Amino acid sequence: MKNKSDKNEILKIKNLSKSYHSQGEDITVLSDLTFSVNRGEILAIMGPSGVGKSTLLNLVGTIDKPDDGEVFFNGKNPFLLSDSEMAKFRNKNIGFVFQFHHLLPEFTALENVYLPSIIYEDSKKKKIEKARQMLDRVGLTPRLNHKPSQLSGGERQRVAVARALINNPYVILGDEPSGNLDLENSKRLIDLLFELNDRFGNTFILATHNPNIAERCHRTINLKKMPD
């Protein structure tokens, strides 16, 4: 595990619990989970399938709500906001990179990256220029006018990373972000995330099964299955 100094806490998870009701019984996925993440840190979340890695990212990302516990971004709990305010908070402060890119097929790479910024008051020209800058960051300037069908799998995931960066979020959540890629493109994508962290200080939480990825992260949290 690598250590990074001079960081300050950007995210705190306190006593987080989540259960789901299935086939007449409550199944506890996460129970009393507490940890924090510092600005500029890359944190790996590991554990076997079904242990709750994606559930944890959904809770941190405010896509789902916890049964108990709190989530604080810079000391603010987004779950105290109204649904509409929380959606705005999520759009501005949390970036997502999923295993599948989820790009809109009818739009170009530039348009896909630009879309999350349209609710803000900056001029369209400034937003498009920001999207260009994000695509340049991930090495895709020559492909900005290509649609997803014209891009390789690795390039699509790079567009997804650029889209996650567009609003300068507090944290970027990656749910097996390289899981759909071959070995070479997987390595390139993970290399890109660490390069962004080194150059720009982006904060990442990565759910992964891959111990090689976790080994490169600054810290790893291992989730264990709840007893039956």
C-alpha atoms as a PDB file:
ATOM      1  CA  MET A   1       0.000   0.000   0.000  1.00  0.00           C
ATOM      2  CA  LYS A   2       1.317   3.421  -0.976  1.00  0.00           C
ATOM      3  CA  ASN A   3       0.894   6.444   1.262  1.00  0.00           C
ATOM      4  CA  LYS A   4       0.149   9.962   0.099  1.00  0.00           C
ATOM      5  CA  SER A   5       0.771  12.908   2.400  1.00  0.00           C
ATOM      6  CA  ASP A   6      -0.814  16.319   2.840  1.00  0.00           C
ATOM      7  CA  LYS A   7      -4.309  15.141   1.969  1.00  0.00           C
ATOM      8  CA  ASN A   8      -7.531  16.282   3.568  1.00  0.00           C
ATOM      9  CA  GLU A   9     -10.730  14.332   4.009  1.00  0.00           C
ATOM     10  CA  ILE A  10     -13.186  14.786   1.165  1.00  0.00           C
ATOM     11  CA  LEU A  11     -15.588  11.913   1.861  1.00  0.00           C
ATOM     12  CA  LYS A  12     -16.666  10.220   5.091  1.00  0.00           C
ATOM     13  CA  ILE A  13     -18.830   7.128   5.352  1.00  0.00           C
ATOM     14  CA  LYS A  14     -20.228   6.604   8.863  1.00  0.00           C
ATOM     15  CA  ASN A  15     -22.014   3.456  10.112  1.00  0.00           C
ATOM     16  CA  LEU A  16     -23.462   2.706   6.679  1.00  0.00           C
ATOM     17  CA  SER A  17     -25.922  -0.202   6.419  1.00  0.00           C
ATOM     18  CA  LYS A  18     -28.061  -1.521   3.591  1.00  0.00           C
ATOM     19  CA  SER A  19     -30.451  -4.482   3.294  1.00  0.00           C
ATOM     20  CA  TYR A  20     -32.706  -5.716   0.504  1.00  0.00           C
ATOM     21  CA  HIS A  21     -35.978  -7.617   0.751  1.00  0.00           C
ATOM     22  CA  SER A  22     -35.979 -10.778  -1.367  1.00  0.00           C
ATOM     23  CA  GLN A  23     -38.259 -13.809  -1.371  1.00  0.00           C
ATOM     24  CA  GLY A  24     -39.827 -12.909   1.943  1.00  0.00           C
ATOM     25  CA  GLU A  25     -36.662 -12.163   3.858  1.00  0.00           C
ATOM     26  CA  ASP A  26     -34.320  -9.243   4.476  1.00  0.00           C
ATOM     27  CA  ILE A  27     -30.788  -9.766   3.178  1.00  0.00           C
ATOM     28  CA  THR A  28     -28.148  -7.538   4.767  1.00  0.00           C
ATOM     29  CA  VAL A  29     -25.492  -6.493   2.244  1.00  0.00           C
ATOM     30  CA  LEU A  30     -23.591  -3.850   4.213  1.00  0.00           C
ATOM     31  CA  SER A  31     -23.575  -3.352   7.968  1.00  0.00           C
ATOM     32  CA  ASP A  32     -22.100  -0.545  10.071  1.00  0.00           C
ATOM     33  CA  LEU A  33     -19.418   0.353   7.525  1.00  0.00           C
ATOM     34  CA  THR A  34     -17.214   3.337   8.363  1.00  0.00           C
ATOM     35  CA  PHE A  35     -14.286   4.762   6.399  1.00  0.00           C
ATOM     36  CA  SER A  36     -13.043   8.026   4.908  1.00  0.00           C
ATOM     37  CA  VAL A  37     -11.379   9.077   1.662  1.00  0.00           C
ATOM     38  CA  ASN A  38      -8.867  11.881   1.294  1.00  0.00           C
ATOM     39  CA  ARG A  39      -8.600  14.337  -1.559  1.00  0.00           C
ATOM     40  CA  GLY A  40      -6.292  12.986  -4.252  1.00  0.00           C
ATOM     41  CA  GLU A  41      -6.509   9.392  -3.058  1.00  0.00           C
ATOM     42  CA  ILE A  42      -7.211   6.264  -5.096  1.00  0.00           C
ATOM     43  CA  LEU A  43      -9.086   3.767  -2.948  1.00  0.00           C
ATOM     44  CA  ALA A  44      -9.750   0.179  -4.031  1.00  0.00           C
ATOM     45  CA  ILE A  45     -12.843  -1.703  -2.868  1.00  0.00           C
ATOM     46  CA  MET A  46     -12.331  -5.457  -3.098  1.00  0.00           C
ATOM     47  CA  GLY A  47     -14.263  -8.578  -2.191  1.00  0.00           C
ATOM     48  CA  PRO A  48     -15.975 -11.561  -3.821  1.00  0.00           C
ATOM     49  CA  SER A  49     -18.988 -11.213  -6.102  1.00  0.00           C
ATOM     50  CA  GLY A  50     -22.150 -10.377  -4.186  1.00  0.00           C
ATOM     51  CA  VAL A  51     -20.307  -8.851  -1.249  1.00  0.00           C
ATOM     52  CA  GLY A  52     -21.749  -5.375  -1.840  1.00  0.00           C
ATOM     53  CA  LYS A  53     -19.107  -3.468  -3.833  1.00  0.00           C
ATOM     54  CA  SER A  54     -21.609  -2.091  -6.333  1.00  0.00           C
ATOM     55  CA  THR A  55     -24.119  -1.436  -3.561  1.00  0.00           C
ATOM     56  CA  LEU A  56     -21.508   0.606  -1.722  1.00  0.00           C
ATOM     57  CA  LEU A  57     -20.731   2.674  -4.825  1.00  0.00           C
ATOM     58  CA  ASN A  58     -24.449   3.244  -5.417  1.00  0.00           C
ATOM     59  CA  LEU A  59     -24.812   4.549  -1.863  1.00  0.00           C
ATOM     60  CA  VAL A  60     -21.736   6.762  -2.063  1.00  0.00           C
ATOM     61  CA  GLY A  61     -22.964   7.990  -5.444  1.00  0.00           C
ATOM     62  CA  THR A  62     -26.440   8.784  -3.995  1.00  0.00           C
ATOM     63  CA  ILE A  63     -28.064   6.506  -6.586  1.00  0.00           C
ATOM     64  CA  ASP A  64     -29.468   4.461  -3.696  1.00  0.00           C
ATOM     65  CA  LYS A  65     -30.245   5.443  -0.097  1.00  0.00           C
ATOM     66  CA  PRO A  66     -28.832   3.719   3.000  1.00  0.00           C
ATOM     67  CA  ASP A  67     -31.046   2.128   5.627  1.00  0.00           C
ATOM     68  CA  ASP A  68     -28.805   3.553   8.326  1.00  0.00           C
ATOM     69  CA  GLY A  69     -25.672   5.648   8.481  1.00  0.00           C
ATOM     70  CA  GLU A  70     -24.465   8.817   6.826  1.00  0.00           C
ATOM     71  CA  VAL A  71     -22.431   9.969   3.845  1.00  0.00           C
ATOM     72  CA  PHE A  72     -20.593  13.287   3.996  1.00  0.00           C
ATOM     73  CA  PHE A  73     -18.960  15.149   1.110  1.00  0.00           C
ATOM     74  CA  ASN A  74     -16.813  17.927   2.546  1.00  0.00           C
ATOM     75  CA  GLY A  75     -18.947  17.737   5.680  1.00  0.00           C
ATOM     76  CA  LYS A  76     -22.295  17.882   3.843  1.00  0.00           C
ATOM     77  CA  ASN A  77     -24.791  15.019   3.824  1.00  0.00           C
ATOM     78  CA  PRO A  78     -26.527  14.913   0.398  1.00  0.00           C
ATOM     79  CA  PHE A  79     -29.255  12.610   1.728  1.00  0.00           C
ATOM     80  CA  LEU A  80     -30.679  15.553   3.662  1.00  0.00           C
ATOM     81  CA  LEU A  81     -31.464  17.292   0.356  1.00  0.00           C
ATOM     82  CA  SER A  82     -34.669  17.009  -1.632  1.00  0.00           C
ATOM     83  CA  ASP A  83     -34.634  14.557  -4.539  1.00  0.00           C
ATOM     84  CA  SER A  84     -34.167  17.341  -7.097  1.00  0.00           C
ATOM     85  CA  GLU A  85     -31.418  19.008  -5.076  1.00  0.00           C
ATOM     86  CA  MET A  86     -29.691  15.653  -4.595  1.00  0.00           C
ATOM     87  CA  ALA A  87     -29.784  15.006  -8.347  1.00  0.00           C
ATOM     88  CA  LYS A  88     -28.048  18.356  -8.931  1.00  0.00           C
ATOM     89  CA  PHE A  89     -25.523  17.546  -6.194  1.00  0.00           C
ATOM     90  CA  ARG A  90     -24.788  14.172  -7.814  1.00  0.00           C
ATOM     91  CA  ASN A  91     -24.345  15.688 -11.260  1.00  0.00           C
ATOM     92  CA  LYS A  92     -21.934  18.320 -10.000  1.00  0.00           C
ATOM     93  CA  ASN A  93     -19.931  16.452  -7.387  1.00  0.00           C
ATOM     94  CA  ILE A  94     -19.781  12.754  -8.330  1.00  0.00           C
ATOM     95  CA  GLY A  95     -18.401  11.203 -11.513  1.00  0.00           C
ATOM     96  CA  PHE A  96     -19.227   7.651 -12.599  1.00  0.00           C
ATOM     97  CA  VAL A  97     -17.320   5.177 -14.773  1.00  0.00           C
ATOM     98  CA  PHE A  98     -19.153   1.872 -15.043  1.00  0.00           C
ATOM     99  CA  GLN A  99     -18.061  -1.457 -16.510  1.00  0.00           C
ATOM    100  CA  PHE A 100     -20.061  -0.583 -19.636  1.00  0.00           C
ATOM    101  CA  HIS A 101     -19.550   2.909 -21.025  1.00  0.00           C
ATOM    102  CA  HIS A 102     -23.255   3.918 -21.299  1.00  0.00           C
ATOM    103  CA  LEU A 103     -22.526   6.453 -24.053  1.00  0.00           C
ATOM    104  CA  LEU A 104     -25.460   7.740 -26.094  1.00  0.00           C
ATOM    105  CA  PRO A 105     -25.015   6.161 -29.551  1.00  0.00           C
ATOM    106  CA  GLU A 106     -26.499   9.055 -31.530  1.00  0.00           C
ATOM    107  CA  PHE A 107     -24.031  11.604 -30.132  1.00  0.00           C
ATOM    108  CA  THR A 108     -20.355  12.180 -30.821  1.00  0.00           C
ATOM    109  CA  ALA A 109     -17.653  11.732 -28.197  1.00  0.00           C
ATOM    110  CA  LEU A 110     -17.605  15.510 -27.695  1.00  0.00           C
ATOM    111  CA  GLU A 111     -21.382  15.681 -27.260  1.00  0.00           C
ATOM    112  CA  ASN A 112     -21.396  12.746 -24.810  1.00  0.00           C
ATOM    113  CA  VAL A 113     -18.796  14.481 -22.643  1.00  0.00           C
ATOM    114  CA  TYR A 114     -20.536  17.863 -22.901  1.00  0.00           C
ATOM    115  CA  LEU A 115     -24.023  16.655 -21.881  1.00  0.00           C
ATOM    116  CA  PRO A 116     -23.588  16.479 -18.060  1.00  0.00           C
ATOM    117  CA  SER A 117     -22.602  20.173 -18.026  1.00  0.00           C
ATOM    118  CA  ILE A 118     -25.670  21.556 -19.817  1.00  0.00           C
ATOM    119  CA  ILE A 119     -27.572  22.385 -16.604  1.00  0.00           C
ATOM    120  CA  TYR A 120     -24.950  24.933 -15.548  1.00  0.00           C
ATOM    121  CA  GLU A 121     -24.967  28.621 -16.404  1.00  0.00           C
ATOM    122  CA  ASP A 122     -21.688  28.854 -18.323  1.00  0.00           C
ATOM    123  CA  SER A 123     -22.012  29.617 -22.016  1.00  0.00           C
ATOM    124  CA  LYS A 124     -22.325  26.742 -24.450  1.00  0.00           C
ATOM    125  CA  LYS A 125     -18.991  27.771 -25.954  1.00  0.00           C
ATOM    126  CA  LYS A 126     -17.253  27.412 -22.566  1.00  0.00           C
ATOM    127  CA  LYS A 127     -18.873  24.039 -21.935  1.00  0.00           C
ATOM    128  CA  ILE A 128     -17.827  22.678 -25.323  1.00  0.00           C
ATOM    129  CA  GLU A 129     -14.297  23.944 -24.787  1.00  0.00           C
ATOM    130  CA  LYS A 130     -14.233  22.197 -21.396  1.00  0.00           C
ATOM    131  CA  ALA A 131     -15.402  18.971 -23.047  1.00  0.00           C
ATOM    132  CA  ARG A 132     -12.587  19.325 -25.592  1.00  0.00           C
ATOM    133  CA  GLN A 133     -10.103  19.751 -22.751  1.00  0.00           C
ATOM    134  CA  MET A 134     -11.376  16.618 -21.012  1.00  0.00           C
ATOM    135  CA  LEU A 135     -11.080  14.576 -24.209  1.00  0.00           C
ATOM    136  CA  ASP A 136      -7.572  15.925 -24.669  1.00  0.00           C
ATOM    137  CA  ARG A 137      -6.776  14.806 -21.120  1.00  0.00           C
ATOM    138  CA  VAL A 138      -7.678  11.236 -21.984  1.00  0.00           C
ATOM    139  CA  GLY A 139      -5.858  11.344 -25.323  1.00  0.00           C
ATOM    140  CA  LEU A 140      -8.878  11.445 -27.631  1.00  0.00           C
ATOM    141  CA  THR A 141      -8.646  14.822 -29.360  1.00  0.00           C
ATOM    142  CA  PRO A 142      -8.445  13.136 -32.805  1.00  0.00           C
ATOM    143  CA  ARG A 143     -11.668  11.203 -32.077  1.00  0.00           C
ATOM    144  CA  LEU A 144     -13.912  13.910 -30.614  1.00  0.00           C
ATOM    145  CA  ASN A 145     -16.303  13.940 -33.581  1.00  0.00           C
ATOM    146  CA  HIS A 146     -16.636  10.158 -33.737  1.00  0.00           C
ATOM    147  CA  LYS A 147     -19.745   8.373 -32.494  1.00  0.00           C
ATOM    148  CA  PRO A 148     -19.433   5.408 -30.103  1.00  0.00           C
ATOM    149  CA  SER A 149     -19.887   2.888 -32.925  1.00  0.00           C
ATOM    150  CA  GLN A 150     -16.772   4.350 -34.547  1.00  0.00           C
ATOM    151  CA  LEU A 151     -14.642   3.956 -31.421  1.00  0.00           C
ATOM    152  CA  SER A 152     -12.877   0.930 -29.940  1.00  0.00           C
ATOM    153  CA  GLY A 153     -13.921  -0.438 -26.556  1.00  0.00           C
ATOM    154  CA  GLY A 154     -10.955   1.217 -24.892  1.00  0.00           C
ATOM    155  CA  GLU A 155     -11.721   4.540 -26.555  1.00  0.00           C
ATOM    156  CA  ARG A 156     -15.356   4.385 -25.416  1.00  0.00           C
ATOM    157  CA  GLN A 157     -14.233   3.905 -21.828  1.00  0.00           C
ATOM    158  CA  ARG A 158     -11.865   6.871 -22.184  1.00  0.00           C
ATOM    159  CA  VAL A 159     -14.825   8.970 -23.325  1.00  0.00           C
ATOM    160  CA  ALA A 160     -16.706   7.743 -20.243  1.00  0.00           C
ATOM    161  CA  VAL A 161     -13.782   8.880 -18.073  1.00  0.00           C
ATOM    162  CA  ALA A 162     -13.764  12.308 -19.760  1.00  0.00           C
ATOM    163  CA  ARG A 163     -17.521  12.579 -19.156  1.00  0.00           C
ATOM    164  CA  ALA A 164     -16.986  11.737 -15.477  1.00  0.00           C
ATOM    165  CA  LEU A 165     -14.421  14.547 -15.227  1.00  0.00           C
ATOM    166  CA  ILE A 166     -16.416  17.298 -16.956  1.00  0.00           C
ATOM    167  CA  ASN A 167     -17.930  18.905 -13.815  1.00  0.00           C
ATOM    168  CA  ASN A 168     -14.780  18.688 -11.650  1.00  0.00           C
ATOM    169  CA  PRO A 169     -16.397  16.248  -9.194  1.00  0.00           C
ATOM    170  CA  TYR A 170     -15.258  15.636  -5.638  1.00  0.00           C
ATOM    171  CA  VAL A 171     -14.802  11.951  -6.414  1.00  0.00           C
ATOM    172  CA  ILE A 172     -14.997   9.576  -9.380  1.00  0.00           C
ATOM    173  CA  LEU A 173     -16.541   6.154  -8.738  1.00  0.00           C
ATOM    174  CA  GLY A 174     -15.381   3.283 -10.934  1.00  0.00           C
ATOM    175  CA  ASP A 175     -17.357   0.029 -10.837  1.00  0.00           C
ATOM    176  CA  GLU A 176     -15.031  -2.505 -12.506  1.00  0.00           C
ATOM    177  CA  PRO A 177     -14.230   0.219 -15.081  1.00  0.00           C
ATOM    178  CA  SER A 178     -11.871  -2.017 -17.072  1.00  0.00           C
ATOM    179  CA  GLY A 179     -13.892  -5.223 -16.640  1.00  0.00           C
ATOM    180  CA  ASN A 180     -15.263  -5.211 -20.196  1.00  0.00           C
ATOM    181  CA  LEU A 181     -11.882  -4.649 -21.850  1.00  0.00           C
ATOM    182  CA  ASP A 182      -9.178  -7.001 -23.039  1.00  0.00           C
ATOM    183  CA  LEU A 183      -5.936  -7.179 -21.075  1.00  0.00           C
ATOM    184  CA  GLU A 184      -4.076  -4.538 -23.084  1.00  0.00           C
ATOM    185  CA  ASN A 185      -6.896  -1.982 -23.087  1.00  0.00           C
ATOM    186  CA  SER A 186      -7.632  -2.691 -19.435  1.00  0.00           C
ATOM    187  CA  LYS A 187      -4.052  -1.808 -18.523  1.00  0.00           C
ATOM    188  CA  ARG A 188      -4.208   1.351 -20.642  1.00  0.00           C
ATOM    189  CA  LEU A 189      -7.394   2.501 -18.931  1.00  0.00           C
ATOM    190  CA  ILE A 190      -6.073   1.894 -15.426  1.00  0.00           C
ATOM    191  CA  ASP A 191      -2.808   3.605 -16.372  1.00  0.00           C
ATOM    192  CA  LEU A 192      -4.911   6.576 -17.484  1.00  0.00           C
ATOM    193  CA  LEU A 193      -6.719   6.808 -14.134  1.00  0.00           C
ATOM    194  CA  PHE A 194      -3.434   6.836 -12.246  1.00  0.00           C
ATOM    195  CA  GLU A 195      -2.008   9.403 -14.653  1.00  0.00           C
ATOM    196  CA  LEU A 196      -5.023  11.665 -14.037  1.00  0.00           C
ATOM    197  CA  ASN A 197      -4.504  11.234 -10.310  1.00  0.00           C
ATOM    198  CA  ASP A 198      -0.816  12.122 -10.567  1.00  0.00           C
ATOM    199  CA  ARG A 199      -1.290  15.109 -12.878  1.00  0.00           C
ATOM    200  CA  PHE A 200      -4.570  16.593 -11.683  1.00  0.00           C
ATOM    201  CA  GLY A 201      -5.180  15.138  -8.236  1.00  0.00           C
ATOM    202  CA  ASN A 202      -8.475  13.441  -9.126  1.00  0.00           C
ATOM    203  CA  THR A 203      -9.918  11.262  -6.353  1.00  0.00           C
ATOM    204  CA  PHE A 204     -11.070   7.761  -7.301  1.00  0.00           C
ATOM    205  CA  ILE A 205     -12.891   4.902  -5.592  1.00  0.00           C
ATOM    206  CA  LEU A 206     -12.507   1.747  -7.679  1.00  0.00           C
ATOM    207  CA  ALA A 207     -14.483  -1.449  -7.102  1.00  0.00           C
ATOM    208  CA  THR A 208     -12.418  -4.279  -8.538  1.00  0.00           C
ATOM    209  CA  HIS A 209     -11.755  -8.007  -8.451  1.00  0.00           C
ATOM    210  CA  ASN A 210      -8.259  -7.460  -9.790  1.00  0.00           C
ATOM    211  CA  PRO A 211      -5.526  -7.639  -7.117  1.00  0.00           C
ATOM    212  CA  ASN A 212      -3.033  -6.032  -9.526  1.00  0.00           C
ATOM    213  CA  ILE A 213      -5.198  -2.908  -9.693  1.00  0.00           C
ATOM    214  CA  ALA A 214      -5.703  -2.870  -5.924  1.00  0.00           C
ATOM    215  CA  GLU A 215      -1.953  -3.188  -5.376  1.00  0.00           C
ATOM    216  CA  ARG A 216      -1.424   0.075  -7.252  1.00  0.00           C
ATOM    217  CA  CYS A 217      -4.017   1.962  -5.212  1.00  0.00           C
ATOM    218  CA  HIS A 218      -3.096   4.023  -2.181  1.00  0.00           C
ATOM    219  CA  ARG A 219      -5.382   1.965   0.069  1.00  0.00           C
ATOM    220  CA  THR A 220      -7.653  -1.078  -0.179  1.00  0.00           C
ATOM    221  CA  ILE A 221     -10.841  -1.856   1.723  1.00  0.00           C
ATOM    222  CA  ASN A 222     -11.799  -5.542   1.656  1.00  0.00           C
ATOM    223  CA  LEU A 223     -15.499  -6.259   2.047  1.00  0.00           C
ATOM    224  CA  LYS A 224     -16.599  -9.593   3.480  1.00  0.00           C
ATOM    225  CA  LYS A 225     -19.902 -11.371   2.986  1.00  0.00           C
ATOM    226  CA  MET A 226     -22.357 -11.080   5.810  1.00  0.00           C
ATOM    227  CA  PRO A 227     -22.957 -14.380   7.694  1.00  0.00           C
ATOM    228  CA  ASP A 228     -26.164 -16.221   6.780  1.00  0.00           C
END
